[in-house]
Protein backbone atom coordinates (compact mmCIF):
# COMPACT_ATOMS: atom_id res chain seq x y z
CA UNK A 1 -20.59 19.70 14.58
CA UNK A 2 -22.60 17.10 12.85
CA UNK A 3 -21.56 18.51 9.14
CA UNK A 4 -17.86 17.92 9.93
CA UNK A 5 -18.60 14.57 10.92
CA UNK A 6 -18.59 13.02 7.38
CA UNK A 7 -17.10 9.60 6.98
CA UNK A 8 -16.45 10.08 3.37
CA UNK A 9 -14.09 13.12 3.86
CA UNK A 10 -12.91 12.19 6.84
CA UNK A 11 -11.80 8.02 6.03
CA UNK A 12 -10.13 7.09 2.38
CA UNK A 13 -13.13 5.40 0.68
CA UNK A 14 -10.68 3.38 -1.15
CA UNK A 15 -10.97 0.16 1.24
CA UNK A 16 -8.06 -1.78 -0.53
CA UNK A 17 -5.62 0.77 0.03
CA UNK A 18 -5.55 -0.04 3.71
CA UNK A 19 -3.74 -3.13 3.50
CA UNK A 20 -0.89 -1.06 1.46
CA UNK A 21 -0.03 0.84 4.75
CA UNK A 22 -0.70 -1.70 7.47
CA UNK A 23 1.23 -4.63 5.55
CA UNK A 24 4.87 -2.35 5.45
CA UNK A 25 4.18 -1.30 8.84
CA UNK A 26 3.51 -4.51 10.40
CA UNK A 27 6.52 -6.27 8.75
CA UNK A 28 8.68 -3.26 10.39
CA UNK A 29 7.48 -3.57 13.39
CA UNK A 30 7.94 -7.48 13.77
CA UNK A 31 11.48 -7.11 12.52
CA UNK A 32 12.50 -4.31 14.86
CA UNK A 33 11.86 -7.02 17.21
CA UNK A 34 11.09 -3.88 19.84
CA UNK A 35 8.09 -1.75 20.40
CA UNK A 36 9.19 1.33 21.64
CA UNK A 37 7.47 5.21 22.16
CA UNK A 38 9.32 6.04 19.18
CA UNK A 39 7.17 3.20 17.31
CA UNK A 40 4.28 4.50 18.66
CA UNK A 41 4.88 8.17 17.32
CA UNK A 42 5.57 6.21 13.75
CA UNK A 43 2.59 4.47 13.57
CA UNK A 44 0.55 7.81 14.25
CA UNK A 45 2.53 9.83 12.06
CA UNK A 46 2.30 7.05 8.88
CA UNK A 47 -1.42 6.66 9.74
CA UNK A 48 -2.20 10.64 9.68
CA UNK A 49 -0.46 11.33 6.72
CA UNK A 50 -2.03 8.33 4.98
CA UNK A 51 -5.46 9.91 6.17
CA UNK A 52 -5.09 13.31 5.23
CA UNK A 53 -5.11 11.96 1.25
CA UNK A 54 -9.10 12.20 1.77
CA UNK A 55 -9.87 15.61 3.23
CA UNK A 56 -6.95 16.72 0.55
CA UNK A 57 -8.69 14.96 -2.40
CA UNK A 58 -11.89 16.67 -1.30
CA UNK A 59 -10.89 19.91 -0.83
CA UNK A 60 -8.65 19.62 -4.56
CA UNK A 61 -12.73 17.87 -5.89
CA UNK A 62 -14.33 20.89 -4.23
CA UNK A 63 -12.31 23.42 -6.08
CA UNK A 64 -12.48 21.89 -9.66
CA UNK A 65 -16.14 21.88 -9.38
CA UNK A 66 -16.71 17.89 -8.63
CA UNK A 67 -18.19 18.49 -5.15
CA UNK A 68 -20.32 20.61 -3.36
CA UNK A 69 -18.86 23.99 -1.72
CA UNK A 70 -20.75 22.94 1.25
CA UNK A 71 -17.74 19.59 1.36
CA UNK A 72 -15.37 22.47 2.16
CA UNK A 73 -15.41 23.58 6.21
CA UNK A 74 -15.40 19.51 6.96
CA UNK A 75 -12.19 18.83 4.73
CA UNK A 76 -10.74 21.58 6.48
CA UNK A 77 -11.29 20.60 9.70
CA UNK A 78 -9.88 16.94 9.30
CA UNK A 79 -7.22 18.41 7.10
CA UNK A 80 -6.28 20.23 10.48
CA UNK A 81 -6.91 17.07 12.53
CA UNK A 82 -4.56 15.07 10.89
CA UNK A 83 -2.33 17.82 10.01
CA UNK A 84 -1.84 18.51 14.00
CA UNK A 85 -1.61 14.67 15.23
CA UNK A 86 0.86 13.90 12.04
CA UNK A 87 3.14 17.06 13.27
CA UNK A 88 2.92 16.08 16.84
CA UNK A 89 3.98 12.54 16.00
CA UNK A 90 7.21 13.76 13.86
CA UNK A 91 8.13 16.20 16.54
CA UNK A 92 8.63 13.15 18.93
CA UNK A 93 10.24 11.21 16.50
CA UNK A 94 12.62 14.18 16.10
CA UNK A 95 13.30 14.60 19.93
CA UNK A 96 13.85 11.08 20.33
CA UNK A 97 16.72 11.35 17.82
CA UNK A 98 14.95 9.75 14.55
CA UNK A 99 15.68 12.96 12.62
CA UNK A 100 16.47 10.75 9.69
CA UNK A 101 13.38 9.26 9.21
CA UNK A 102 11.60 12.18 7.99
CA UNK A 103 13.55 11.97 4.99
CA UNK A 104 11.81 8.90 3.92
CA UNK A 105 8.58 11.27 3.33
CA UNK A 106 10.35 13.15 0.81
CA UNK A 107 9.56 10.92 -1.96
CA UNK A 108 5.82 10.95 -1.17
CA UNK A 109 5.90 14.82 -1.79
CA UNK A 110 5.91 14.85 -5.40
CA UNK A 111 3.74 11.41 -5.97
CA UNK A 112 0.91 13.59 -3.42
CA UNK A 113 1.09 16.55 -5.88
CA UNK A 114 0.78 14.04 -8.72
CA UNK A 115 -2.32 12.51 -7.33
CA UNK A 116 -4.03 15.58 -6.64
CA UNK A 117 -3.47 16.93 -10.19
CA UNK A 118 -5.20 13.96 -11.56
CA UNK A 119 -7.74 14.27 -9.48
CA UNK A 120 -8.41 18.15 -10.64
CA UNK A 121 -8.05 16.78 -14.47
CA UNK A 122 -11.09 13.86 -13.40
CA UNK A 123 -8.19 11.49 -14.38
CA UNK A 124 -7.22 9.72 -11.03
CA UNK A 125 -9.35 6.35 -11.50
CA UNK A 126 -7.72 3.60 -13.51
CA UNK A 127 -3.71 4.54 -13.02
CA UNK A 128 -1.89 1.36 -12.12
CA UNK A 129 1.25 3.23 -12.45
CA UNK A 130 0.74 6.18 -10.09
CA UNK A 131 -0.64 3.50 -7.83
CA UNK A 132 2.28 1.24 -7.83
CA UNK A 133 4.37 4.05 -7.75
CA UNK A 134 2.36 5.40 -4.75
CA UNK A 135 2.43 2.23 -2.55
CA UNK A 136 6.37 2.21 -3.31
CA UNK A 137 6.07 5.11 -1.41
CA UNK A 138 3.64 3.82 1.48
CA UNK A 139 6.36 0.79 1.86
CA UNK A 140 9.04 3.19 3.21
CA UNK A 141 7.54 2.51 6.27
CA UNK A 142 8.81 -0.62 6.77
CA UNK A 143 12.33 0.24 7.03
CA UNK A 144 11.37 3.42 9.31
CA UNK A 145 9.53 1.34 11.41
CA UNK A 146 12.26 -1.51 11.44
CA UNK A 147 14.91 1.52 12.31
CA UNK A 148 13.11 2.99 15.37
CA UNK A 149 12.24 -0.62 16.78
CA UNK A 150 16.05 -1.33 16.54
CA UNK A 151 17.07 2.32 17.48
CA UNK A 152 19.49 2.60 14.93
CA UNK A 153 19.69 2.71 10.73
CA UNK A 154 19.93 -0.80 9.57
CA UNK A 155 20.61 -1.35 5.42
CA UNK A 156 18.61 -4.60 6.42
CA UNK A 157 15.82 -2.01 5.96
CA UNK A 158 15.68 -1.46 2.10
CA UNK A 159 15.05 -4.98 1.51
CA UNK A 160 12.14 -5.05 3.70
CA UNK A 161 11.01 -1.66 1.40
CA UNK A 162 11.84 -3.48 -2.02
CA UNK A 163 9.89 -7.06 -0.64
CA UNK A 164 6.77 -4.50 0.04
CA UNK A 165 6.49 -2.46 -2.94
CA UNK A 166 7.28 -5.77 -5.37
CA UNK A 167 4.48 -7.71 -3.35
CA UNK A 168 2.09 -4.40 -3.41
CA UNK A 169 2.98 -3.52 -7.24
CA UNK A 170 2.21 -7.22 -7.81
CA UNK A 171 -1.13 -6.73 -5.96
CA UNK A 172 -2.24 -3.79 -8.07
CA UNK A 173 -1.63 -5.55 -11.46
CA UNK A 174 -3.47 -8.53 -10.83
CA UNK A 175 -6.41 -6.71 -9.29
CA UNK A 176 -6.27 -4.74 -12.25
CA UNK A 177 -6.99 -7.99 -14.33
CA UNK A 178 -9.51 -9.22 -12.31
CA UNK A 179 -11.43 -5.66 -12.82
CA UNK A 180 -10.93 -6.42 -16.56
CA UNK A 181 -12.54 -9.86 -16.21
CA UNK A 182 -15.70 -9.19 -14.86
CA UNK A 183 -16.28 -7.94 -18.61
CA UNK A 184 -15.20 -10.91 -20.36
CA UNK A 185 -17.28 -13.75 -21.64
CA UNK A 186 -17.41 -17.14 -20.50
CA UNK A 187 -15.97 -20.15 -22.08
CA UNK A 188 -12.55 -18.25 -23.96
CA UNK A 189 -9.59 -20.09 -24.76
CA UNK A 190 -6.99 -20.93 -22.63
CA UNK A 191 -5.04 -18.86 -25.11
CA UNK A 192 -6.94 -15.84 -24.81
CA UNK A 193 -7.06 -15.99 -20.70
CA UNK A 194 -3.07 -16.40 -20.54
CA UNK A 195 -2.21 -13.50 -22.75
CA UNK A 196 -4.63 -11.20 -20.88
CA UNK A 197 -3.00 -12.31 -17.77
CA UNK A 198 0.53 -12.28 -18.63
CA UNK A 199 1.40 -9.14 -16.84
CA UNK A 200 0.43 -10.13 -13.68
CA UNK A 201 1.95 -13.54 -14.04
CA UNK A 202 5.47 -11.69 -15.08
CA UNK A 203 5.15 -9.65 -11.99
CA UNK A 204 4.39 -12.67 -9.43
CA UNK A 205 6.81 -15.07 -11.17
CA UNK A 206 9.48 -12.37 -10.93
CA UNK A 207 8.82 -12.01 -7.18
CA UNK A 208 8.78 -15.48 -6.40
CA UNK A 209 12.10 -16.68 -8.63
CA UNK A 210 13.96 -13.61 -7.17
CA UNK A 211 12.93 -14.58 -3.58
CA UNK A 212 13.48 -18.27 -4.01
CA UNK A 213 17.16 -17.33 -5.44
CA UNK A 214 18.22 -14.72 -3.01
CA UNK A 215 17.04 -16.77 -0.30
CA UNK A 216 19.07 -20.26 -1.61
CA UNK A 217 22.00 -18.25 -1.92
CA UNK A 218 22.11 -16.92 1.47
CA UNK A 219 21.59 -13.34 0.93
CA UNK A 220 17.97 -13.08 2.30
CA UNK A 221 16.09 -15.65 5.01
CA UNK A 222 15.56 -19.17 2.83
CA UNK A 223 11.74 -19.50 3.65
CA UNK A 224 10.72 -16.12 2.31
CA UNK A 225 9.89 -16.97 -1.16
CA UNK A 226 6.59 -18.97 0.78
CA UNK A 227 5.00 -16.02 1.17
CA UNK A 228 5.53 -14.98 -2.46
CA UNK A 229 4.45 -18.76 -3.68
CA UNK A 230 1.14 -18.11 -1.90
CA UNK A 231 0.56 -14.67 -4.23
CA UNK A 232 2.15 -16.66 -7.17
CA UNK A 233 -0.55 -19.55 -6.87
CA UNK A 234 -3.49 -17.37 -6.74
CA UNK A 235 -2.29 -15.14 -9.57
CA UNK A 236 -2.28 -18.78 -11.42
CA UNK A 237 -5.67 -19.83 -10.46
CA UNK A 238 -6.95 -16.29 -11.25
CA UNK A 239 -5.93 -16.08 -14.63
CA UNK A 240 -7.55 -19.74 -15.69
CA UNK A 241 -10.42 -18.91 -13.54
CA UNK A 242 -11.41 -15.55 -14.78
CA UNK A 243 -13.57 -13.16 -12.72
CA UNK A 244 -16.60 -13.03 -15.31
CA UNK A 245 -19.37 -11.19 -13.46
CA UNK A 246 -17.88 -10.81 -10.26
CA UNK A 247 -18.84 -7.43 -7.89
CA UNK A 248 -15.78 -5.50 -6.93
CA UNK A 249 -16.30 -5.97 -3.41
CA UNK A 250 -15.86 -9.89 -3.47
CA UNK A 251 -12.44 -9.15 -5.95
CA UNK A 252 -11.44 -7.16 -3.36
CA UNK A 253 -12.01 -9.09 -0.39
CA UNK A 254 -10.54 -11.91 -2.36
CA UNK A 255 -7.28 -9.96 -2.54
CA UNK A 256 -7.52 -8.50 0.77
CA UNK A 257 -6.99 -12.13 2.23
CA UNK A 258 -4.47 -13.00 0.02
CA UNK A 259 -2.40 -9.98 1.18
CA UNK A 260 -2.78 -10.56 4.88
CA UNK A 261 -1.69 -14.00 4.22
CA UNK A 262 1.05 -12.61 2.60
CA UNK A 263 2.15 -10.08 5.16
CA UNK A 264 1.78 -13.26 8.01
CA UNK A 265 4.35 -15.61 5.91
CA UNK A 266 6.38 -12.99 5.23
CA UNK A 267 6.82 -12.07 9.26
CA UNK A 268 6.89 -15.90 10.20
CA UNK A 269 9.61 -16.64 7.69
CA UNK A 270 11.74 -13.11 8.32
CA UNK A 271 14.17 -14.98 10.51
CA UNK A 272 17.55 -14.76 9.97
């Protein structure tokens, strides 16, 4: 049994990805206001689907010769475990009348297949575009959690999805900026720093401006922009204070803190 209990096969190793599933999930749960048995099933289904990526990736790496064949039994074991749990949770949702929730999983199939294809080609690293699209798929748990909490479909769920995706996209772009800064020499001119950070600044500025204007117009809760303000201020600081020589773990921890703050503030100010 010991050969099956391998952490690197059972659990995702890119620790920063956890926030991209937990953040929209929590946003949707709090927006739905009611924690029901359907909510429990949704959490189990979402987390199982999220976890299944690791053993599937290991299987593809093994087949393509990137990992030893001895990893296959453990990968198949965890694939079966996560797949079975997800299937039971989805069955629970169907029996409770939430069959339409399953349609939200459809976009994830081609994106996941794309990721596995990149893994087979040894090209999965530094693919910010794929990561942004993938977080958009993960963000779909926000409307799903809202709908099961309310007990019915509500178009407001799409707003939650958009905001969660915009925040994740900006977070990924900013993370790539910080990683790029690690190898830059100190004492660069301000113009060079801003040129490097332009994309990250545009992403967070767009999120802040749109949330501010829509809140002012009364289309969304008025104070939602505060959550995006935190991310914008962090980006501003990060551009002018390069992460020269920082370890990836330090960058990841700071990103995690900012994402947690964003999630807490969004939940707090997402009031009608």
